[in-house]
Each structure stands twice: as C-alpha cells, then as structure tokens.
PDB file of N, CA and C in Angstrom:
ATOM      1  N   UNK A   1       0.879  -0.957  -0.098  1.00  0.00           N
ATOM      2  CA  UNK A   1      -0.101   0.252  -0.019  1.00  0.00           C
ATOM      3  C   UNK A   1       0.686   1.603   0.012  1.00  0.00           C
ATOM      4  N   UNK A   2       1.016   2.351  -0.539  1.00  0.00           N
ATOM      5  CA  UNK A   2       1.675   3.200  -0.719  1.00  0.00           C
ATOM      6  C   UNK A   2       0.685   4.637   0.262  1.00  0.00           C
ATOM      7  N   UNK A   3       1.349   4.811   0.903  1.00  0.00           N
ATOM      8  CA  UNK A   3       0.943   6.398   2.138  1.00  0.00           C
ATOM      9  C   UNK A   3       1.902   7.198   1.856  1.00  0.00           C
ATOM     10  N   UNK A   4       1.483   8.626   2.297  1.00  0.00           N
ATOM     11  CA  UNK A   4       2.219   9.438   2.805  1.00  0.00           C
ATOM     12  C   UNK A   4       2.656   9.165   4.314  1.00  0.00           C
ATOM     13  N   UNK A   5       3.758   9.227   4.306  1.00  0.00           N
ATOM     14  CA  UNK A   5       4.082   8.917   6.024  1.00  0.00           C
ATOM     15  C   UNK A   5       4.857  10.614   6.555  1.00  0.00           C
ATOM     16  N   UNK A   6       4.592  10.541   7.495  1.00  0.00           N
ATOM     17  CA  UNK A   6       4.478  12.139   8.147  1.00  0.00           C
ATOM     18  C   UNK A   6       5.524  11.612  10.038  1.00  0.00           C
ATOM     19  N   UNK A   7       6.798  12.066  10.307  1.00  0.00           N
ATOM     20  CA  UNK A   7       7.084  11.751  11.618  1.00  0.00           C
ATOM     21  C   UNK A   7       6.452  12.909  12.707  1.00  0.00           C
ATOM     22  N   UNK A   8       6.122  12.191  13.874  1.00  0.00           N
ATOM     23  CA  UNK A   8       5.543  13.016  14.868  1.00  0.00           C
ATOM     24  C   UNK A   8       6.437  12.826  16.424  1.00  0.00           C
ATOM     25  N   UNK A   9       6.673  13.750  16.817  1.00  0.00           N
ATOM     26  CA  UNK A   9       7.132  12.984  18.343  1.00  0.00           C
ATOM     27  C   UNK A   9       6.082  13.736  19.779  1.00  0.00           C
ATOM     28  N   UNK A  10       5.108  13.105  20.031  1.00  0.00           N
ATOM     29  CA  UNK A  10       4.379  13.364  20.850  1.00  0.00           C
ATOM     30  C   UNK A  10       4.755  12.550  22.249  1.00  0.00           C
ATOM     31  N   UNK A  11       4.827  12.475  23.355  1.00  0.00           N
ATOM     32  CA  UNK A  11       4.242  11.719  24.849  1.00  0.00           C
ATOM     33  C   UNK A  11       2.849  11.345  24.890  1.00  0.00           C
ATOM     34  N   UNK A  12       2.464  10.447  25.583  1.00  0.00           N
ATOM     35  CA  UNK A  12       1.333   9.971  25.748  1.00  0.00           C
ATOM     36  C   UNK A  12       0.986   8.299  25.900  1.00  0.00           C
ATOM     37  N   UNK A  13      -0.162   8.335  25.600  1.00  0.00           N
ATOM     38  CA  UNK A  13      -1.095   7.015  25.222  1.00  0.00           C
ATOM     39  C   UNK A  13      -1.436   7.129  23.756  1.00  0.00           C
ATOM     40  N   UNK A  14      -1.734   5.914  23.001  1.00  0.00           N
ATOM     41  CA  UNK A  14      -2.360   5.834  21.641  1.00  0.00           C
ATOM     42  C   UNK A  14      -3.937   5.943  21.855  1.00  0.00           C
ATOM     43  N   UNK A  15      -4.551   5.712  20.768  1.00  0.00           N
ATOM     44  CA  UNK A  15      -6.104   5.622  20.811  1.00  0.00           C
ATOM     45  C   UNK A  15      -6.345   4.342  21.360  1.00  0.00           C
ATOM     46  N   UNK A  16      -5.594   3.388  21.432  1.00  0.00           N
ATOM     47  CA  UNK A  16      -6.081   2.039  21.443  1.00  0.00           C
ATOM     48  C   UNK A  16      -5.556   1.937  22.996  1.00  0.00           C
ATOM     49  N   UNK A  17      -4.808   2.959  23.514  1.00  0.00           N
ATOM     50  CA  UNK A  17      -4.287   2.558  24.833  1.00  0.00           C
ATOM     51  C   UNK A  17      -2.926   1.989  25.514  1.00  0.00           C
ATOM     52  N   UNK A  18      -1.885   1.983  24.253  1.00  0.00           N
ATOM     53  CA  UNK A  18      -0.754   1.624  24.104  1.00  0.00           C
ATOM     54  C   UNK A  18      -0.176   2.991  25.068  1.00  0.00           C
ATOM     55  N   UNK A  19       1.298   2.899  25.314  1.00  0.00           N
ATOM     56  CA  UNK A  19       2.151   4.230  25.345  1.00  0.00           C
ATOM     57  C   UNK A  19       2.611   4.586  24.243  1.00  0.00           C
ATOM     58  N   UNK A  20       2.903   5.894  23.912  1.00  0.00           N
ATOM     59  CA  UNK A  20       3.931   6.011  22.336  1.00  0.00           C
ATOM     60  C   UNK A  20       5.532   5.091  22.397  1.00  0.00           C
ATOM     61  N   UNK A  21       5.714   5.144  21.290  1.00  0.00           N
ATOM     62  CA  UNK A  21       6.729   4.431  21.224  1.00  0.00           C
ATOM     63  C   UNK A  21       7.171   3.635  19.906  1.00  0.00           C
ATOM     64  N   UNK A  22       8.913   3.560  19.494  1.00  0.00           N
ATOM     65  CA  UNK A  22       9.112   3.322  18.274  1.00  0.00           C
ATOM     66  C   UNK A  22       8.311   1.934  17.730  1.00  0.00           C
ATOM     67  N   UNK A  23       7.773   2.326  16.208  1.00  0.00           N
ATOM     68  CA  UNK A  23       6.785   1.307  16.028  1.00  0.00           C
ATOM     69  C   UNK A  23       5.240   1.434  15.845  1.00  0.00           C
ATOM     70  N   UNK A  24       4.625   2.551  16.852  1.00  0.00           N
ATOM     71  CA  UNK A  24       3.605   2.907  16.681  1.00  0.00           C
ATOM     72  C   UNK A  24       3.264   3.614  15.801  1.00  0.00           C
ATOM     73  N   UNK A  25       2.483   3.235  14.983  1.00  0.00           N
ATOM     74  CA  UNK A  25       2.080   3.898  13.557  1.00  0.00           C
ATOM     75  C   UNK A  25       0.571   4.792  13.906  1.00  0.00           C
ATOM     76  N   UNK A  26       0.100   5.700  13.599  1.00  0.00           N
ATOM     77  CA  UNK A  26      -0.917   6.439  13.664  1.00  0.00           C
ATOM     78  C   UNK A  26      -1.761   6.427  11.898  1.00  0.00           C
ATOM     79  N   UNK A  27      -3.325   5.795  12.073  1.00  0.00           N
ATOM     80  CA  UNK A  27      -3.465   5.210  10.785  1.00  0.00           C
ATOM     81  C   UNK A  27      -5.182   5.764  10.717  1.00  0.00           C
ATOM     82  N   UNK A  28      -5.800   6.001   9.552  1.00  0.00           N
ATOM     83  CA  UNK A  28      -7.148   6.108   9.426  1.00  0.00           C
ATOM     84  C   UNK A  28      -7.511   4.449   8.968  1.00  0.00           C
ATOM     85  N   UNK A  29      -8.319   4.027  10.337  1.00  0.00           N
ATOM     86  CA  UNK A  29      -8.612   3.123  10.488  1.00  0.00           C
ATOM     87  C   UNK A  29      -9.755   2.405   9.492  1.00  0.00           C
ATOM     88  N   UNK A  30     -10.387   3.485   8.859  1.00  0.00           N
ATOM     89  CA  UNK A  30     -11.203   2.994   7.546  1.00  0.00           C
ATOM     90  C   UNK A  30     -10.064   2.563   6.682  1.00  0.00           C
ATOM     91  N   UNK A  31      -8.946   2.808   6.749  1.00  0.00           N
ATOM     92  CA  UNK A  31      -8.095   2.313   5.437  1.00  0.00           C
ATOM     93  C   UNK A  31      -7.370   1.367   6.211  1.00  0.00           C
ATOM     94  N   UNK A  32      -6.505   1.284   6.965  1.00  0.00           N
ATOM     95  CA  UNK A  32      -5.477   0.170   7.776  1.00  0.00           C
ATOM     96  C   UNK A  32      -6.245  -0.147   8.898  1.00  0.00           C
ATOM     97  N   UNK A  33      -7.127  -1.134   9.687  1.00  0.00           N
ATOM     98  CA  UNK A  33      -7.512  -1.475  11.010  1.00  0.00           C
ATOM     99  C   UNK A  33      -6.552  -1.467  11.831  1.00  0.00           C
ATOM    100  N   UNK A  34      -7.043  -0.640  13.102  1.00  0.00           N
ATOM    101  CA  UNK A  34      -6.127  -1.125  14.037  1.00  0.00           C
ATOM    102  C   UNK A  34      -5.741  -2.197  14.549  1.00  0.00           C
ATOM    103  N   UNK A  35      -4.427  -2.624  14.878  1.00  0.00           N
ATOM    104  CA  UNK A  35      -3.896  -3.979  15.311  1.00  0.00           C
ATOM    105  C   UNK A  35      -3.288  -4.192  14.199  1.00  0.00           C
ATOM    106  N   UNK A  36      -2.876  -3.700  12.873  1.00  0.00           N
ATOM    107  CA  UNK A  36      -2.546  -4.060  11.518  1.00  0.00           C
ATOM    108  C   UNK A  36      -0.774  -3.949  11.643  1.00  0.00           C
ATOM    109  N   UNK A  37       0.030  -4.928  11.432  1.00  0.00           N
ATOM    110  CA  UNK A  37       1.081  -5.108  11.643  1.00  0.00           C
ATOM    111  C   UNK A  37       2.077  -5.124  10.326  1.00  0.00           C
ATOM    112  N   UNK A  38       3.115  -3.936   9.887  1.00  0.00           N
ATOM    113  CA  UNK A  38       3.111  -3.494   8.575  1.00  0.00           C
ATOM    114  C   UNK A  38       5.188  -3.354   8.830  1.00  0.00           C
ATOM    115  N   UNK A  39       5.752  -3.091   7.619  1.00  0.00           N
ATOM    116  CA  UNK A  39       6.904  -2.985   7.450  1.00  0.00           C
ATOM    117  C   UNK A  39       6.729  -1.674   6.690  1.00  0.00           C
ATOM    118  N   UNK A  40       7.702  -0.570   7.422  1.00  0.00           N
ATOM    119  CA  UNK A  40       8.109   0.393   6.602  1.00  0.00           C
ATOM    120  C   UNK A  40       9.154   0.726   6.394  1.00  0.00           C
ATOM    121  N   UNK A  41       9.495   1.013   4.875  1.00  0.00           N
ATOM    122  CA  UNK A  41      10.875   1.117   4.332  1.00  0.00           C
ATOM    123  C   UNK A  41      11.748   2.460   4.956  1.00  0.00           C
ATOM    124  N   UNK A  42      12.920   2.153   5.739  1.00  0.00           N
ATOM    125  CA  UNK A  42      13.376   3.122   6.237  1.00  0.00           C
ATOM    126  C   UNK A  42      12.944   3.496   7.256  1.00  0.00           C
ATOM    127  N   UNK A  43      12.218   3.202   8.010  1.00  0.00           N
ATOM    128  CA  UNK A  43      11.610   2.850   9.708  1.00  0.00           C
ATOM    129  C   UNK A  43      11.700   1.732  10.213  1.00  0.00           C
ATOM    130  N   UNK A  44      11.272   0.605   9.591  1.00  0.00           N
ATOM    131  CA  UNK A  44      11.043  -0.794  10.205  1.00  0.00           C
ATOM    132  C   UNK A  44       9.943  -1.357  10.049  1.00  0.00           C
ATOM    133  N   UNK A  45       9.554  -1.859  11.281  1.00  0.00           N
ATOM    134  CA  UNK A  45       8.293  -2.554  11.759  1.00  0.00           C
ATOM    135  C   UNK A  45       7.672  -1.468  12.290  1.00  0.00           C
ATOM    136  N   UNK A  46       6.008  -1.611  12.337  1.00  0.00           N
ATOM    137  CA  UNK A  46       5.282  -1.116  13.002  1.00  0.00           C
ATOM    138  C   UNK A  46       3.906  -1.698  13.127  1.00  0.00           C
ATOM    139  N   UNK A  47       3.012  -0.894  13.935  1.00  0.00           N
ATOM    140  CA  UNK A  47       1.814  -1.636  14.150  1.00  0.00           C
ATOM    141  C   UNK A  47       0.936  -0.392  14.516  1.00  0.00           C
ATOM    142  N   UNK A  48      -0.382  -0.824  13.441  1.00  0.00           N
ATOM    143  CA  UNK A  48      -1.313   0.618  13.625  1.00  0.00           C
ATOM    144  C   UNK A  48      -2.036   0.693  15.029  1.00  0.00           C
ATOM    145  N   UNK A  49      -1.275   1.635  15.612  1.00  0.00           N
ATOM    146  CA  UNK A  49      -1.740   1.394  16.993  1.00  0.00           C
ATOM    147  C   UNK A  49      -2.606   2.881  17.427  1.00  0.00           C
ATOM    148  N   UNK A  50      -3.077   3.887  16.405  1.00  0.00           N
ATOM    149  CA  UNK A  50      -3.332   5.215  16.959  1.00  0.00           C
ATOM    150  C   UNK A  50      -4.146   5.847  15.626  1.00  0.00           C
ATOM    151  N   UNK A  51      -4.670   6.852  16.095  1.00  0.00           N
ATOM    152  CA  UNK A  51      -5.528   7.327  15.361  1.00  0.00           C
ATOM    153  C   UNK A  51      -5.423   9.039  15.451  1.00  0.00           C
ATOM    154  N   UNK A  52      -5.670   9.527  14.534  1.00  0.00           N
ATOM    155  CA  UNK A  52      -5.067  11.496  14.779  1.00  0.00           C
ATOM    156  C   UNK A  52      -6.549  11.698  13.449  1.00  0.00           C
ATOM    157  N   UNK A  53      -6.636  12.963  14.380  1.00  0.00           N
ATOM    158  CA  UNK A  53      -8.100  13.808  13.008  1.00  0.00           C
ATOM    159  C   UNK A  53      -7.306  13.952  12.085  1.00  0.00           C
ATOM    160  N   UNK A  54      -5.848  14.722  11.927  1.00  0.00           N
ATOM    161  CA  UNK A  54      -5.109  15.043  10.629  1.00  0.00           C
ATOM    162  C   UNK A  54      -4.441  13.660   9.749  1.00  0.00           C
ATOM    163  N   UNK A  55      -4.558  12.266  10.353  1.00  0.00           N
ATOM    164  CA  UNK A  55      -4.749  11.311   9.583  1.00  0.00           C
ATOM    165  C   UNK A  55      -5.761  10.880   8.852  1.00  0.00           C
ATOM    166  N   UNK A  56      -6.418  11.186   7.472  1.00  0.00           N
ATOM    167  CA  UNK A  56      -6.707  10.252   6.587  1.00  0.00           C
ATOM    168  C   UNK A  56      -6.660  10.119   5.350  1.00  0.00           C
ATOM    169  N   UNK A  57      -7.331   9.069   5.264  1.00  0.00           N
ATOM    170  CA  UNK A  57      -6.827   8.226   3.820  1.00  0.00           C
ATOM    171  C   UNK A  57      -5.445   7.290   3.940  1.00  0.00           C
ATOM    172  N   UNK A  58      -4.919   7.597   3.004  1.00  0.00           N
ATOM    173  CA  UNK A  58      -3.415   6.957   2.978  1.00  0.00           C
ATOM    174  C   UNK A  58      -2.610   7.720   3.531  1.00  0.00           C
ATOM    175  N   UNK A  59      -2.819   7.515   4.815  1.00  0.00           N
ATOM    176  CA  UNK A  59      -1.714   8.812   5.620  1.00  0.00           C
ATOM    177  C   UNK A  59      -1.491   7.980   6.723  1.00  0.00           C
ATOM    178  N   UNK A  60      -0.300   8.216   6.806  1.00  0.00           N
ATOM    179  CA  UNK A  60       0.284   7.312   8.546  1.00  0.00           C
ATOM    180  C   UNK A  60       0.963   8.073   9.092  1.00  0.00           C
ATOM    181  N   UNK A  61       0.858   8.440  10.181  1.00  0.00           N
ATOM    182  CA  UNK A  61       2.425   8.749  11.120  1.00  0.00           C
ATOM    183  C   UNK A  61       2.882   7.897  12.009  1.00  0.00           C
ATOM    184  N   UNK A  62       4.401   8.266  11.716  1.00  0.00           N
ATOM    185  CA  UNK A  62       5.508   7.548  12.579  1.00  0.00           C
ATOM    186  C   UNK A  62       5.874   8.011  13.338  1.00  0.00           C
ATOM    187  N   UNK A  63       5.578   7.387  14.717  1.00  0.00           N
ATOM    188  CA  UNK A  63       6.494   7.992  16.159  1.00  0.00           C
ATOM    189  C   UNK A  63       7.836   7.817  16.351  1.00  0.00           C
ATOM    190  N   UNK A  64       8.467   8.569  16.898  1.00  0.00           N
ATOM    191  CA  UNK A  64       9.988   8.922  16.714  1.00  0.00           C
ATOM    192  C   UNK A  64      10.488   9.818  18.068  1.00  0.00           C
ATOM    193  N   UNK A  65      11.344   9.336  18.757  1.00  0.00           N
ATOM    194  CA  UNK A  65      11.476   9.631  20.655  1.00  0.00           C
ATOM    195  C   UNK A  65      12.135  11.147  20.286  1.00  0.00           C
ATOM    196  N   UNK A  66      12.319  11.844  19.391  1.00  0.00           N
ATOM    197  CA  UNK A  66      12.637  13.115  19.282  1.00  0.00           C
ATOM    198  C   UNK A  66      12.185  13.876  18.199  1.00  0.00           C
ATOM    199  N   UNK A  67      12.005  15.280  18.538  1.00  0.00           N
ATOM    200  CA  UNK A  67      11.118  16.128  17.410  1.00  0.00           C
ATOM    201  C   UNK A  67      12.158  15.929  16.179  1.00  0.00           C
ATOM    202  N   UNK A  68      13.544  16.234  16.562  1.00  0.00           N
ATOM    203  CA  UNK A  68      14.787  16.047  15.826  1.00  0.00           C
ATOM    204  C   UNK A  68      14.684  14.932  14.845  1.00  0.00           C
ATOM    205  N   UNK A  69      14.436  13.927  15.314  1.00  0.00           N
ATOM    206  CA  UNK A  69      14.536  12.712  14.349  1.00  0.00           C
ATOM    207  C   UNK A  69      13.082  12.451  13.671  1.00  0.00           C
ATOM    208  N   UNK A  70      12.187  13.011  14.170  1.00  0.00           N
ATOM    209  CA  UNK A  70      10.897  12.843  13.622  1.00  0.00           C
ATOM    210  C   UNK A  70      10.824  13.850  11.803  1.00  0.00           C
ATOM    211  N   UNK A  71      11.488  15.510  12.645  1.00  0.00           N
ATOM    212  CA  UNK A  71      12.087  16.421  11.474  1.00  0.00           C
ATOM    213  C   UNK A  71      12.770  15.766  10.506  1.00  0.00           C
ATOM    214  N   UNK A  72      13.719  14.841  10.774  1.00  0.00           N
ATOM    215  CA  UNK A  72      14.486  14.011   9.802  1.00  0.00           C
ATOM    216  C   UNK A  72      13.971  13.258   8.787  1.00  0.00           C
ATOM    217  N   UNK A  73      12.754  12.434   9.519  1.00  0.00           N
ATOM    218  CA  UNK A  73      11.824  11.581   8.267  1.00  0.00           C
ATOM    219  C   UNK A  73      10.813  13.045   7.718  1.00  0.00           C
ATOM    220  N   UNK A  74      10.753  13.239   8.185  1.00  0.00           N
ATOM    221  CA  UNK A  74       9.919  14.824   7.445  1.00  0.00           C
ATOM    222  C   UNK A  74       8.521  14.045   7.316  1.00  0.00           C
ATOM    223  N   UNK A  75       8.284  14.052   5.724  1.00  0.00           N
ATOM    224  CA  UNK A  75       6.987  13.774   4.868  1.00  0.00           C
ATOM    225  C   UNK A  75       7.585  13.129   3.983  1.00  0.00           C
ATOM    226  N   UNK A  76       7.187  11.619   3.758  1.00  0.00           N
ATOM    227  CA  UNK A  76       7.293  11.053   2.351  1.00  0.00           C
ATOM    228  C   UNK A  76       6.311  10.021   1.924  1.00  0.00           C
ATOM    229  N   UNK A  77       6.432   9.497   0.754  1.00  0.00           N
ATOM    230  CA  UNK A  77       5.704   9.090   0.279  1.00  0.00           C
ATOM    231  C   UNK A  77       6.333   7.538   0.097  1.00  0.00           C
ATOM    232  N   UNK A  78       5.978   6.481   0.917  1.00  0.00           N
ATOM    233  CA  UNK A  78       6.785   4.955   1.028  1.00  0.00           C
ATOM    234  C   UNK A  78       5.576   3.924   0.773  1.00  0.00           C
ATOM    235  N   UNK A  79       6.171   3.014   0.176  1.00  0.00           N
ATOM    236  CA  UNK A  79       4.983   1.619  -0.066  1.00  0.00           C
ATOM    237  C   UNK A  79       5.335   0.951   1.454  1.00  0.00           C
ATOM    238  N   UNK A  80       3.886   0.652   2.344  1.00  0.00           N
ATOM    239  CA  UNK A  80       4.402  -0.240   2.817  1.00  0.00           C
ATOM    240  C   UNK A  80       3.899  -1.691   2.718  1.00  0.00           C
ATOM    241  N   UNK A  81       4.460  -2.809   3.262  1.00  0.00           N
ATOM    242  CA  UNK A  81       3.370  -4.119   3.285  1.00  0.00           C
ATOM    243  C   UNK A  81       2.840  -4.348   4.469  1.00  0.00           C
ATOM    244  N   UNK A  82       1.874  -4.826   4.289  1.00  0.00           N
ATOM    245  CA  UNK A  82       0.451  -4.962   5.797  1.00  0.00           C
ATOM    246  C   UNK A  82       1.013  -6.338   5.946  1.00  0.00           C
ATOM    247  N   UNK A  83       0.847  -6.539   7.103  1.00  0.00           N
ATOM    248  CA  UNK A  83       1.048  -8.449   7.547  1.00  0.00           C
ATOM    249  C   UNK A  83      -0.594  -8.694   8.275  1.00  0.00           C
TER     250      UNK A  83
END
C-alpha cells in the first residue's frame, strides 16, 4: 500500500491505550485497521495503534523519540507491506 508517511514525536498514550513508542503508527482505521502490523521502508516494523484527526485516507504518522528525528523523517511517500 502506498501512503504518505509523516514523522511525529509526542508523549502519552495512543488511541488503543498503548504508550507511544518506536513502531507506533497512527492510521485512518477505515483504510488500515487498528492492530495491523506493517513494514515501513526506512523505518522498520510498526503496528497500527493510534489515530489522529489529521490522519485521513492513505496517510500514516510514525512515532519518533525526538522532535529532531521526526523532522529528519519529515513527510515522504512510501510503499508499506501489511501483515
């Protein structure tokens, strides 16, 4: 699936109640169901564990431990593999 992936770095918990951390991916659950595992080129393995008002359609947000790392990722188009 080809998506637009944006980096983010916020503390707290996800929409599913998990703490944020590496591999936490925010998705539009009407496109990628929560709980879906995926491989993201340049990022690694992730799980759809969060939602966001700005995450709509074929967009995902990838969690990073620092703002600098999230900004370094920026926004890019990637083709992810869903498992």
